[in-house]
Amino acid sequence: MNMDLKIVKAEEIIDEAQKLKFDGYHLMQQCATRTAEGYELVYSFGKALEVCQVKIILAEDQSINSISHVFPCAFLYENEMHDLFGIDIQMISLDYKGSFYRTAIETPFK
């Protein structure tokens, strides 16, 4: 299995997702974690036995555009990142506006 990691800027994620889709990759998962500076987002794409991960370092007050119009299933991961971490994701195709998860604390991982 081949695995690549590519670091991109937040404003490059849509172009990167479109390139990967054109190359035959599918979205495997998206995840977020809190850092001292803000957030680290990792998008994993797969094709056969190849995995390509795209990493983005996002400042706490920075927003990012959704890739849900490129990979429709991304709306699930993006609503989760918004609800649990408070990440500002713009233009989600199906945006639950903070009500995707019912949590005792608003954005518990922020």
PDB file of N, CA and C in Angstrom:
ATOM      1  N   MET A   1       0.838  -1.168   0.000  1.00  0.00           N
ATOM      2  CA  MET A   1       0.000   0.000   0.000  1.00  0.00           C
ATOM      3  C   MET A   1       0.892   1.244   0.000  1.00  0.00           C
ATOM      4  N   ASN A   2       0.557   2.193  -0.857  1.00  0.00           N
ATOM      5  CA  ASN A   2       1.267   3.467  -0.914  1.00  0.00           C
ATOM      6  C   ASN A   2       0.466   4.519  -0.160  1.00  0.00           C
ATOM      7  N   MET A   3       1.179   5.360   0.620  1.00  0.00           N
ATOM      8  CA  MET A   3       0.515   6.421   1.351  1.00  0.00           C
ATOM      9  C   MET A   3       1.321   7.703   1.197  1.00  0.00           C
ATOM     10  N   ASP A   4       0.637   8.764   0.779  1.00  0.00           N
ATOM     11  CA  ASP A   4       1.259  10.073   0.622  1.00  0.00           C
ATOM     12  C   ASP A   4       0.598  11.057   1.574  1.00  0.00           C
ATOM     13  N   LEU A   5       1.372  12.041   2.035  1.00  0.00           N
ATOM     14  CA  LEU A   5       0.841  13.127   2.855  1.00  0.00           C
ATOM     15  C   LEU A   5       1.234  14.425   2.189  1.00  0.00           C
ATOM     16  N   LYS A   6       0.235  15.245   1.924  1.00  0.00           N
ATOM     17  CA  LYS A   6       0.471  16.530   1.279  1.00  0.00           C
ATOM     18  C   LYS A   6      -0.097  17.619   2.172  1.00  0.00           C
ATOM     19  N   ILE A   7       0.694  18.646   2.429  1.00  0.00           N
ATOM     20  CA  ILE A   7       0.243  19.772   3.238  1.00  0.00           C
ATOM     21  C   ILE A   7      -0.159  20.900   2.287  1.00  0.00           C
ATOM     22  N   VAL A   8      -1.389  21.386   2.450  1.00  0.00           N
ATOM     23  CA  VAL A   8      -1.887  22.467   1.596  1.00  0.00           C
ATOM     24  C   VAL A   8      -2.475  23.576   2.460  1.00  0.00           C
ATOM     25  N   LYS A   9      -2.681  24.723   1.859  1.00  0.00           N
ATOM     26  CA  LYS A   9      -3.335  25.836   2.540  1.00  0.00           C
ATOM     27  C   LYS A   9      -4.845  25.641   2.453  1.00  0.00           C
ATOM     28  N   ALA A  10      -5.560  26.241   3.379  1.00  0.00           N
ATOM     29  CA  ALA A  10      -7.017  26.089   3.427  1.00  0.00           C
ATOM     30  C   ALA A  10      -7.679  26.488   2.114  1.00  0.00           C
ATOM     31  N   GLU A  11      -7.187  27.535   1.488  1.00  0.00           N
ATOM     32  CA  GLU A  11      -7.799  28.012   0.244  1.00  0.00           C
ATOM     33  C   GLU A  11      -7.528  27.092  -0.951  1.00  0.00           C
ATOM     34  N   GLU A  12      -6.687  26.087  -0.782  1.00  0.00           N
ATOM     35  CA  GLU A  12      -6.360  25.155  -1.865  1.00  0.00           C
ATOM     36  C   GLU A  12      -7.134  23.841  -1.792  1.00  0.00           C
ATOM     37  N   ILE A  13      -7.956  23.647  -0.758  1.00  0.00           N
ATOM     38  CA  ILE A  13      -8.580  22.337  -0.551  1.00  0.00           C
ATOM     39  C   ILE A  13      -9.548  21.952  -1.660  1.00  0.00           C
ATOM     40  N   ILE A  14     -10.308  22.887  -2.196  1.00  0.00           N
ATOM     41  CA  ILE A  14     -11.254  22.535  -3.259  1.00  0.00           C
ATOM     42  C   ILE A  14     -10.513  22.097  -4.514  1.00  0.00           C
ATOM     43  N   ASP A  15      -9.481  22.838  -4.906  1.00  0.00           N
ATOM     44  CA  ASP A  15      -8.688  22.449  -6.077  1.00  0.00           C
ATOM     45  C   ASP A  15      -8.059  21.076  -5.876  1.00  0.00           C
ATOM     46  N   GLU A  16      -7.535  20.834  -4.691  1.00  0.00           N
ATOM     47  CA  GLU A  16      -6.896  19.542  -4.393  1.00  0.00           C
ATOM     48  C   GLU A  16      -7.917  18.407  -4.443  1.00  0.00           C
ATOM     49  N   ALA A  17      -9.091  18.626  -3.881  1.00  0.00           N
ATOM     50  CA  ALA A  17     -10.144  17.607  -3.898  1.00  0.00           C
ATOM     51  C   ALA A  17     -10.588  17.317  -5.330  1.00  0.00           C
ATOM     52  N   GLN A  18     -10.716  18.353  -6.150  1.00  0.00           N
ATOM     53  CA  GLN A  18     -11.118  18.153  -7.545  1.00  0.00           C
ATOM     54  C   GLN A  18     -10.066  17.365  -8.322  1.00  0.00           C
ATOM     55  N   LYS A  19      -8.794  17.660  -8.092  1.00  0.00           N
ATOM     56  CA  LYS A  19      -7.715  16.913  -8.760  1.00  0.00           C
ATOM     57  C   LYS A  19      -7.766  15.437  -8.380  1.00  0.00           C
ATOM     58  N   LEU A  20      -7.934  15.170  -7.096  1.00  0.00           N
ATOM     59  CA  LEU A  20      -7.965  13.790  -6.633  1.00  0.00           C
ATOM     60  C   LEU A  20      -9.184  13.044  -7.181  1.00  0.00           C
ATOM     61  N   LYS A  21     -10.332  13.695  -7.213  1.00  0.00           N
ATOM     62  CA  LYS A  21     -11.526  13.045  -7.771  1.00  0.00           C
ATOM     63  C   LYS A  21     -11.308  12.738  -9.252  1.00  0.00           C
ATOM     64  N   PHE A  22     -10.730  13.684  -9.985  1.00  0.00           N
ATOM     65  CA  PHE A  22     -10.451  13.477 -11.406  1.00  0.00           C
ATOM     66  C   PHE A  22      -9.488  12.299 -11.601  1.00  0.00           C
ATOM     67  N   ASP A  23      -8.575  12.114 -10.652  1.00  0.00           N
ATOM     68  CA  ASP A  23      -7.615  11.006 -10.724  1.00  0.00           C
ATOM     69  C   ASP A  23      -8.196   9.677 -10.234  1.00  0.00           C
ATOM     70  N   GLY A  24      -9.465   9.664  -9.855  1.00  0.00           N
ATOM     71  CA  GLY A  24     -10.122   8.416  -9.481  1.00  0.00           C
ATOM     72  C   GLY A  24     -10.145   8.102  -7.998  1.00  0.00           C
ATOM     73  N   TYR A  25      -9.771   9.047  -7.164  1.00  0.00           N
ATOM     74  CA  TYR A  25      -9.792   8.829  -5.722  1.00  0.00           C
ATOM     75  C   TYR A  25     -11.198   9.051  -5.168  1.00  0.00           C
ATOM     76  N   HIS A  26     -11.493   8.395  -4.058  1.00  0.00           N
ATOM     77  CA  HIS A  26     -12.734   8.644  -3.322  1.00  0.00           C
ATOM     78  C   HIS A  26     -12.377   9.146  -1.925  1.00  0.00           C
ATOM     79  N   LEU A  27     -13.305   9.842  -1.304  1.00  0.00           N
ATOM     80  CA  LEU A  27     -13.090  10.354   0.051  1.00  0.00           C
ATOM     81  C   LEU A  27     -13.264   9.221   1.039  1.00  0.00           C
ATOM     82  N   MET A  28     -12.240   8.979   1.850  1.00  0.00           N
ATOM     83  CA  MET A  28     -12.300   7.932   2.872  1.00  0.00           C
ATOM     84  C   MET A  28     -12.755   8.496   4.217  1.00  0.00           C
ATOM     85  N   GLN A  29     -12.198   9.647   4.591  1.00  0.00           N
ATOM     86  CA  GLN A  29     -12.555  10.259   5.871  1.00  0.00           C
ATOM     87  C   GLN A  29     -11.972  11.651   5.976  1.00  0.00           C
ATOM     88  N   GLN A  30     -12.515  12.431   6.890  1.00  0.00           N
ATOM     89  CA  GLN A  30     -11.972  13.734   7.260  1.00  0.00           C
ATOM     90  C   GLN A  30     -11.949  13.766   8.782  1.00  0.00           C
ATOM     91  N   CYS A  31     -10.896  14.321   9.338  1.00  0.00           N
ATOM     92  CA  CYS A  31     -10.870  14.435  10.797  1.00  0.00           C
ATOM     93  C   CYS A  31     -10.221  15.747  11.210  1.00  0.00           C
ATOM     94  N   ALA A  32     -10.469  16.119  12.429  1.00  0.00           N
ATOM     95  CA  ALA A  32      -9.932  17.358  12.976  1.00  0.00           C
ATOM     96  C   ALA A  32      -9.363  17.079  14.350  1.00  0.00           C
ATOM     97  N   THR A  33      -8.373  17.873  14.711  1.00  0.00           N
ATOM     98  CA  THR A  33      -7.843  17.831  16.066  1.00  0.00           C
ATOM     99  C   THR A  33      -7.464  19.248  16.460  1.00  0.00           C
ATOM    100  N   ARG A  34      -7.520  19.507  17.730  1.00  0.00           N
ATOM    101  CA  ARG A  34      -7.190  20.824  18.282  1.00  0.00           C
ATOM    102  C   ARG A  34      -5.693  20.929  18.464  1.00  0.00           C
ATOM    103  N   THR A  35      -5.130  22.083  18.119  1.00  0.00           N
ATOM    104  CA  THR A  35      -3.721  22.369  18.366  1.00  0.00           C
ATOM    105  C   THR A  35      -3.625  23.681  19.139  1.00  0.00           C
ATOM    106  N   ALA A  36      -2.430  24.025  19.555  1.00  0.00           N
ATOM    107  CA  ALA A  36      -2.232  25.283  20.290  1.00  0.00           C
ATOM    108  C   ALA A  36      -2.582  26.494  19.420  1.00  0.00           C
ATOM    109  N   GLU A  37      -2.345  26.384  18.106  1.00  0.00           N
ATOM    110  CA  GLU A  37      -2.577  27.503  17.182  1.00  0.00           C
ATOM    111  C   GLU A  37      -3.994  27.517  16.612  1.00  0.00           C
ATOM    112  N   GLY A  38      -4.694  26.404  16.677  1.00  0.00           N
ATOM    113  CA  GLY A  38      -6.020  26.317  16.073  1.00  0.00           C
ATOM    114  C   GLY A  38      -6.407  24.867  15.856  1.00  0.00           C
ATOM    115  N   TYR A  39      -6.396  24.445  14.580  1.00  0.00           N
ATOM    116  CA  TYR A  39      -6.834  23.096  14.241  1.00  0.00           C
ATOM    117  C   TYR A  39      -5.930  22.475  13.184  1.00  0.00           C
ATOM    118  N   GLU A  40      -5.891  21.165  13.200  1.00  0.00           N
ATOM    119  CA  GLU A  40      -5.237  20.398  12.153  1.00  0.00           C
ATOM    120  C   GLU A  40      -6.321  19.529  11.523  1.00  0.00           C
ATOM    121  N   LEU A  41      -6.527  19.693  10.226  1.00  0.00           N
ATOM    122  CA  LEU A  41      -7.526  18.913   9.502  1.00  0.00           C
ATOM    123  C   LEU A  41      -6.798  17.940   8.590  1.00  0.00           C
ATOM    124  N   VAL A  42      -7.253  16.699   8.560  1.00  0.00           N
ATOM    125  CA  VAL A  42      -6.670  15.694   7.676  1.00  0.00           C
ATOM    126  C   VAL A  42      -7.794  15.079   6.855  1.00  0.00           C
ATOM    127  N   TYR A  43      -7.629  15.131   5.546  1.00  0.00           N
ATOM    128  CA  TYR A  43      -8.570  14.536   4.598  1.00  0.00           C
ATOM    129  C   TYR A  43      -7.864  13.324   4.009  1.00  0.00           C
ATOM    130  N   SER A  44      -8.513  12.159   4.029  1.00  0.00           N
ATOM    131  CA  SER A  44      -7.923  10.940   3.470  1.00  0.00           C
ATOM    132  C   SER A  44      -8.717  10.516   2.233  1.00  0.00           C
ATOM    133  N   PHE A  45      -7.982  10.259   1.157  1.00  0.00           N
ATOM    134  CA  PHE A  45      -8.568   9.843  -0.112  1.00  0.00           C
ATOM    135  C   PHE A  45      -7.937   8.519  -0.512  1.00  0.00           C
ATOM    136  N   GLY A  46      -8.712   7.642  -1.120  1.00  0.00           N
ATOM    137  CA  GLY A  46      -8.191   6.341  -1.501  1.00  0.00           C
ATOM    138  C   GLY A  46      -8.526   5.961  -2.928  1.00  0.00           C
ATOM    139  N   LYS A  47      -7.640   5.155  -3.501  1.00  0.00           N
ATOM    140  CA  LYS A  47      -7.849   4.583  -4.831  1.00  0.00           C
ATOM    141  C   LYS A  47      -7.079   3.274  -4.858  1.00  0.00           C
ATOM    142  N   ALA A  48      -7.783   2.167  -5.035  1.00  0.00           N
ATOM    143  CA  ALA A  48      -7.168   0.833  -5.007  1.00  0.00           C
ATOM    144  C   ALA A  48      -6.363   0.699  -3.712  1.00  0.00           C
ATOM    145  N   LEU A  49      -5.056   0.480  -3.798  1.00  0.00           N
ATOM    146  CA  LEU A  49      -4.220   0.350  -2.601  1.00  0.00           C
ATOM    147  C   LEU A  49      -3.418   1.614  -2.314  1.00  0.00           C
ATOM    148  N   GLU A  50      -3.864   2.733  -2.848  1.00  0.00           N
ATOM    149  CA  GLU A  50      -3.187   4.010  -2.613  1.00  0.00           C
ATOM    150  C   GLU A  50      -4.026   4.873  -1.684  1.00  0.00           C
ATOM    151  N   VAL A  51      -3.356   5.544  -0.766  1.00  0.00           N
ATOM    152  CA  VAL A  51      -4.003   6.488   0.133  1.00  0.00           C
ATOM    153  C   VAL A  51      -3.261   7.804   0.032  1.00  0.00           C
ATOM    154  N   CYS A  52      -4.006   8.869  -0.147  1.00  0.00           N
ATOM    155  CA  CYS A  52      -3.428  10.210  -0.191  1.00  0.00           C
ATOM    156  C   CYS A  52      -4.084  11.014   0.919  1.00  0.00           C
ATOM    157  N   GLN A  53      -3.273  11.552   1.804  1.00  0.00           N
ATOM    158  CA  GLN A  53      -3.793  12.379   2.888  1.00  0.00           C
ATOM    159  C   GLN A  53      -3.414  13.830   2.639  1.00  0.00           C
ATOM    160  N   VAL A  54      -4.373  14.694   2.842  1.00  0.00           N
ATOM    161  CA  VAL A  54      -4.172  16.128   2.681  1.00  0.00           C
ATOM    162  C   VAL A  54      -4.346  16.761   4.051  1.00  0.00           C
ATOM    163  N   LYS A  55      -3.320  17.494   4.485  1.00  0.00           N
ATOM    164  CA  LYS A  55      -3.318  18.095   5.827  1.00  0.00           C
ATOM    165  C   LYS A  55      -3.382  19.610   5.705  1.00  0.00           C
ATOM    166  N   ILE A  56      -4.194  20.200   6.561  1.00  0.00           N
ATOM    167  CA  ILE A  56      -4.355  21.655   6.591  1.00  0.00           C
ATOM    168  C   ILE A  56      -4.211  22.127   8.030  1.00  0.00           C
ATOM    169  N   ILE A  57      -3.400  23.141   8.224  1.00  0.00           N
ATOM    170  CA  ILE A  57      -3.297  23.799   9.521  1.00  0.00           C
ATOM    171  C   ILE A  57      -4.195  25.028   9.435  1.00  0.00           C
ATOM    172  N   LEU A  58      -5.161  25.105  10.339  1.00  0.00           N
ATOM    173  CA  LEU A  58      -6.168  26.158  10.290  1.00  0.00           C
ATOM    174  C   LEU A  58      -6.112  26.969  11.576  1.00  0.00           C
ATOM    175  N   ALA A  59      -5.984  28.278  11.438  1.00  0.00           N
ATOM    176  CA  ALA A  59      -6.017  29.151  12.619  1.00  0.00           C
ATOM    177  C   ALA A  59      -7.416  29.113  13.230  1.00  0.00           C
ATOM    178  N   GLU A  60      -7.511  29.382  14.513  1.00  0.00           N
ATOM    179  CA  GLU A  60      -8.788  29.274  15.210  1.00  0.00           C
ATOM    180  C   GLU A  60      -9.872  30.152  14.588  1.00  0.00           C
ATOM    181  N   ASP A  61      -9.508  31.331  14.124  1.00  0.00           N
ATOM    182  CA  ASP A  61     -10.498  32.260  13.560  1.00  0.00           C
ATOM    183  C   ASP A  61     -10.624  32.155  12.039  1.00  0.00           C
ATOM    184  N   GLN A  62      -9.983  31.174  11.436  1.00  0.00           N
ATOM    185  CA  GLN A  62      -9.973  31.014   9.983  1.00  0.00           C
ATOM    186  C   GLN A  62     -11.095  30.073   9.545  1.00  0.00           C
ATOM    187  N   SER A  63     -11.708  30.382   8.416  1.00  0.00           N
ATOM    188  CA  SER A  63     -12.738  29.493   7.876  1.00  0.00           C
ATOM    189  C   SER A  63     -12.155  28.694   6.712  1.00  0.00           C
ATOM    190  N   ILE A  64     -12.882  27.661   6.308  1.00  0.00           N
ATOM    191  CA  ILE A  64     -12.464  26.817   5.199  1.00  0.00           C
ATOM    192  C   ILE A  64     -13.714  26.484   4.383  1.00  0.00           C
ATOM    193  N   ASN A  65     -13.544  26.313   3.087  1.00  0.00           N
ATOM    194  CA  ASN A  65     -14.670  25.955   2.232  1.00  0.00           C
ATOM    195  C   ASN A  65     -14.902  24.456   2.255  1.00  0.00           C
ATOM    196  N   SER A  66     -16.154  24.092   2.111  1.00  0.00           N
ATOM    197  CA  SER A  66     -16.559  22.696   2.081  1.00  0.00           C
ATOM    198  C   SER A  66     -16.142  22.040   0.768  1.00  0.00           C
ATOM    199  N   ILE A  67     -15.867  20.736   0.835  1.00  0.00           N
ATOM    200  CA  ILE A  67     -15.615  19.968  -0.387  1.00  0.00           C
ATOM    201  C   ILE A  67     -16.836  19.109  -0.728  1.00  0.00           C
ATOM    202  N   SER A  68     -17.971  19.402  -0.098  1.00  0.00           N
ATOM    203  CA  SER A  68     -19.164  18.564  -0.283  1.00  0.00           C
ATOM    204  C   SER A  68     -19.755  18.656  -1.684  1.00  0.00           C
ATOM    205  N   HIS A  69     -19.427  19.690  -2.438  1.00  0.00           N
ATOM    206  CA  HIS A  69     -19.910  19.722  -3.818  1.00  0.00           C
ATOM    207  C   HIS A  69     -19.012  18.889  -4.738  1.00  0.00           C
ATOM    208  N   VAL A  70     -17.827  18.511  -4.259  1.00  0.00           N
ATOM    209  CA  VAL A  70     -16.925  17.623  -5.012  1.00  0.00           C
ATOM    210  C   VAL A  70     -17.165  16.179  -4.574  1.00  0.00           C
ATOM    211  N   PHE A  71     -17.189  15.962  -3.259  1.00  0.00           N
ATOM    212  CA  PHE A  71     -17.478  14.655  -2.657  1.00  0.00           C
ATOM    213  C   PHE A  71     -18.714  14.830  -1.779  1.00  0.00           C
ATOM    214  N   PRO A  72     -19.909  14.475  -2.271  1.00  0.00           N
ATOM    215  CA  PRO A  72     -21.150  14.749  -1.524  1.00  0.00           C
ATOM    216  C   PRO A  72     -21.168  14.217  -0.092  1.00  0.00           C
ATOM    217  N   CYS A  73     -20.532  13.083   0.176  1.00  0.00           N
ATOM    218  CA  CYS A  73     -20.556  12.518   1.533  1.00  0.00           C
ATOM    219  C   CYS A  73     -19.772  13.363   2.537  1.00  0.00           C
ATOM    220  N   ALA A  74     -18.996  14.327   2.079  1.00  0.00           N
ATOM    221  CA  ALA A  74     -18.201  15.169   2.975  1.00  0.00           C
ATOM    222  C   ALA A  74     -19.068  15.975   3.937  1.00  0.00           C
ATOM    223  N   PHE A  75     -20.345  16.189   3.595  1.00  0.00           N
ATOM    224  CA  PHE A  75     -21.200  16.981   4.480  1.00  0.00           C
ATOM    225  C   PHE A  75     -21.297  16.359   5.870  1.00  0.00           C
ATOM    226  N   LEU A  76     -21.203  15.031   5.968  1.00  0.00           N
ATOM    227  CA  LEU A  76     -21.261  14.364   7.269  1.00  0.00           C
ATOM    228  C   LEU A  76     -20.064  14.749   8.136  1.00  0.00           C
ATOM    229  N   TYR A  77     -18.861  14.617   7.577  1.00  0.00           N
ATOM    230  CA  TYR A  77     -17.637  14.945   8.315  1.00  0.00           C
ATOM    231  C   TYR A  77     -17.579  16.430   8.653  1.00  0.00           C
ATOM    232  N   GLU A  78     -17.998  17.260   7.717  1.00  0.00           N
ATOM    233  CA  GLU A  78     -17.890  18.706   7.920  1.00  0.00           C
ATOM    234  C   GLU A  78     -18.866  19.212   8.973  1.00  0.00           C
ATOM    235  N   ASN A  79     -20.074  18.672   9.003  1.00  0.00           N
ATOM    236  CA  ASN A  79     -21.007  19.035  10.074  1.00  0.00           C
ATOM    237  C   ASN A  79     -20.481  18.568  11.429  1.00  0.00           C
ATOM    238  N   GLU A  80     -19.849  17.398  11.447  1.00  0.00           N
ATOM    239  CA  GLU A  80     -19.260  16.888  12.684  1.00  0.00           C
ATOM    240  C   GLU A  80     -18.135  17.815  13.173  1.00  0.00           C
ATOM    241  N   MET A  81     -17.243  18.229  12.261  1.00  0.00           N
ATOM    242  CA  MET A  81     -16.146  19.126  12.642  1.00  0.00           C
ATOM    243  C   MET A  81     -16.683  20.466  13.134  1.00  0.00           C
ATOM    244  N   HIS A  82     -17.765  20.938  12.532  1.00  0.00           N
ATOM    245  CA  HIS A  82     -18.370  22.188  12.971  1.00  0.00           C
ATOM    246  C   HIS A  82     -18.973  22.042  14.366  1.00  0.00           C
ATOM    247  N   ASP A  83     -19.766  20.983  14.560  1.00  0.00           N
ATOM    248  CA  ASP A  83     -20.464  20.811  15.833  1.00  0.00           C
ATOM    249  C   ASP A  83     -19.535  20.501  16.998  1.00  0.00           C
ATOM    250  N   LEU A  84     -18.519  19.683  16.773  1.00  0.00           N
ATOM    251  CA  LEU A  84     -17.657  19.256  17.873  1.00  0.00           C
ATOM    252  C   LEU A  84     -16.489  20.197  18.138  1.00  0.00           C
ATOM    253  N   PHE A  85     -15.968  20.830  17.086  1.00  0.00           N
ATOM    254  CA  PHE A  85     -14.788  21.689  17.234  1.00  0.00           C
ATOM    255  C   PHE A  85     -15.079  23.170  17.025  1.00  0.00           C
ATOM    256  N   GLY A  86     -16.220  23.503  16.445  1.00  0.00           N
ATOM    257  CA  GLY A  86     -16.538  24.897  16.162  1.00  0.00           C
ATOM    258  C   GLY A  86     -15.831  25.440  14.936  1.00  0.00           C
ATOM    259  N   ILE A  87     -15.363  24.566  14.058  1.00  0.00           N
ATOM    260  CA  ILE A  87     -14.661  25.001  12.848  1.00  0.00           C
ATOM    261  C   ILE A  87     -15.665  25.621  11.889  1.00  0.00           C
ATOM    262  N   ASP A  88     -15.311  26.780  11.361  1.00  0.00           N
ATOM    263  CA  ASP A  88     -16.185  27.501  10.435  1.00  0.00           C
ATOM    264  C   ASP A  88     -15.985  26.954   9.023  1.00  0.00           C
ATOM    265  N   ILE A  89     -16.922  26.108   8.579  1.00  0.00           N
ATOM    266  CA  ILE A  89     -16.855  25.515   7.247  1.00  0.00           C
ATOM    267  C   ILE A  89     -17.945  26.147   6.402  1.00  0.00           C
ATOM    268  N   GLN A  90     -17.542  26.793   5.335  1.00  0.00           N
ATOM    269  CA  GLN A  90     -18.450  27.530   4.464  1.00  0.00           C
ATOM    270  C   GLN A  90     -18.998  26.644   3.349  1.00  0.00           C
ATOM    271  N   MET A  91     -20.248  26.872   2.975  1.00  0.00           N
ATOM    272  CA  MET A  91     -20.888  26.270   1.803  1.00  0.00           C
ATOM    273  C   MET A  91     -21.035  24.752   1.872  1.00  0.00           C
ATOM    274  N   ILE A  92     -21.351  24.213   3.044  1.00  0.00           N
ATOM    275  CA  ILE A  92     -21.631  22.777   3.154  1.00  0.00           C
ATOM    276  C   ILE A  92     -22.935  22.513   2.412  1.00  0.00           C
ATOM    277  N   SER A  93     -22.957  21.493   1.572  1.00  0.00           N
ATOM    278  CA  SER A  93     -24.147  21.234   0.750  1.00  0.00           C
ATOM    279  C   SER A  93     -25.400  20.967   1.583  1.00  0.00           C
ATOM    280  N   LEU A  94     -25.252  20.271   2.689  1.00  0.00           N
ATOM    281  CA  LEU A  94     -26.351  20.032   3.626  1.00  0.00           C
ATOM    282  C   LEU A  94     -25.846  20.454   5.002  1.00  0.00           C
ATOM    283  N   ASP A  95     -26.091  21.704   5.338  1.00  0.00           N
ATOM    284  CA  ASP A  95     -25.551  22.301   6.559  1.00  0.00           C
ATOM    285  C   ASP A  95     -26.590  22.223   7.684  1.00  0.00           C
ATOM    286  N   TYR A  96     -26.257  21.498   8.739  1.00  0.00           N
ATOM    287  CA  TYR A  96     -27.155  21.354   9.875  1.00  0.00           C
ATOM    288  C   TYR A  96     -27.052  22.532  10.846  1.00  0.00           C
ATOM    289  N   LYS A  97     -26.163  23.461  10.581  1.00  0.00           N
ATOM    290  CA  LYS A  97     -26.020  24.709  11.346  1.00  0.00           C
ATOM    291  C   LYS A  97     -25.911  24.479  12.854  1.00  0.00           C
ATOM    292  N   GLY A  98     -25.084  23.494  13.222  1.00  0.00           N
ATOM    293  CA  GLY A  98     -24.828  23.248  14.636  1.00  0.00           C
ATOM    294  C   GLY A  98     -25.766  22.268  15.306  1.00  0.00           C
ATOM    295  N   SER A  99     -26.664  21.642  14.551  1.00  0.00           N
ATOM    296  CA  SER A  99     -27.603  20.703  15.179  1.00  0.00           C
ATOM    297  C   SER A  99     -27.442  19.269  14.655  1.00  0.00           C
ATOM    298  N   PHE A 100     -26.284  18.961  14.101  1.00  0.00           N
ATOM    299  CA  PHE A 100     -26.027  17.604  13.615  1.00  0.00           C
ATOM    300  C   PHE A 100     -25.897  16.630  14.779  1.00  0.00           C
ATOM    301  N   TYR A 101     -25.208  17.066  15.837  1.00  0.00           N
ATOM    302  CA  TYR A 101     -25.059  16.285  17.064  1.00  0.00           C
ATOM    303  C   TYR A 101     -25.752  17.000  18.213  1.00  0.00           C
ATOM    304  N   ARG A 102     -26.297  16.207  19.122  1.00  0.00           N
ATOM    305  CA  ARG A 102     -26.839  16.754  20.359  1.00  0.00           C
ATOM    306  C   ARG A 102     -25.780  16.522  21.432  1.00  0.00           C
ATOM    307  N   THR A 103     -25.195  17.587  21.917  1.00  0.00           N
ATOM    308  CA  THR A 103     -24.157  17.474  22.937  1.00  0.00           C
ATOM    309  C   THR A 103     -24.552  18.297  24.166  1.00  0.00           C
ATOM    310  N   ALA A 104     -24.063  17.858  25.311  1.00  0.00           N
ATOM    311  CA  ALA A 104     -24.356  18.581  26.558  1.00  0.00           C
ATOM    312  C   ALA A 104     -23.687  19.952  26.563  1.00  0.00           C
ATOM    313  N   ILE A 105     -22.534  20.038  25.912  1.00  0.00           N
ATOM    314  CA  ILE A 105     -21.779  21.285  25.826  1.00  0.00           C
ATOM    315  C   ILE A 105     -21.655  21.659  24.350  1.00  0.00           C
ATOM    316  N   GLU A 106     -21.899  22.916  24.030  1.00  0.00           N
ATOM    317  CA  GLU A 106     -21.730  23.359  22.642  1.00  0.00           C
ATOM    318  C   GLU A 106     -20.249  23.278  22.257  1.00  0.00           C
ATOM    319  N   THR A 107     -19.936  22.718  21.115  1.00  0.00           N
ATOM    320  CA  THR A 107     -18.569  22.510  20.606  1.00  0.00           C
ATOM    321  C   THR A 107     -17.631  21.989  21.702  1.00  0.00           C
ATOM    322  N   PRO A 108     -17.821  20.767  22.160  1.00  0.00           N
ATOM    323  CA  PRO A 108     -17.061  20.244  23.304  1.00  0.00           C
ATOM    324  C   PRO A 108     -15.554  20.140  23.102  1.00  0.00           C
ATOM    325  N   PHE A 109     -15.064  20.092  21.864  1.00  0.00           N
ATOM    326  CA  PHE A 109     -13.627  19.968  21.646  1.00  0.00           C
ATOM    327  C   PHE A 109     -12.960  21.280  21.251  1.00  0.00           C
ATOM    328  N   LYS A 110     -13.674  22.382  21.417  1.00  0.00           N
ATOM    329  CA  LYS A 110     -13.117  23.682  21.042  1.00  0.00           C
ATOM    330  C   LYS A 110     -12.103  24.146  22.066  1.00  0.00           C
TER     331      LYS A 110
END
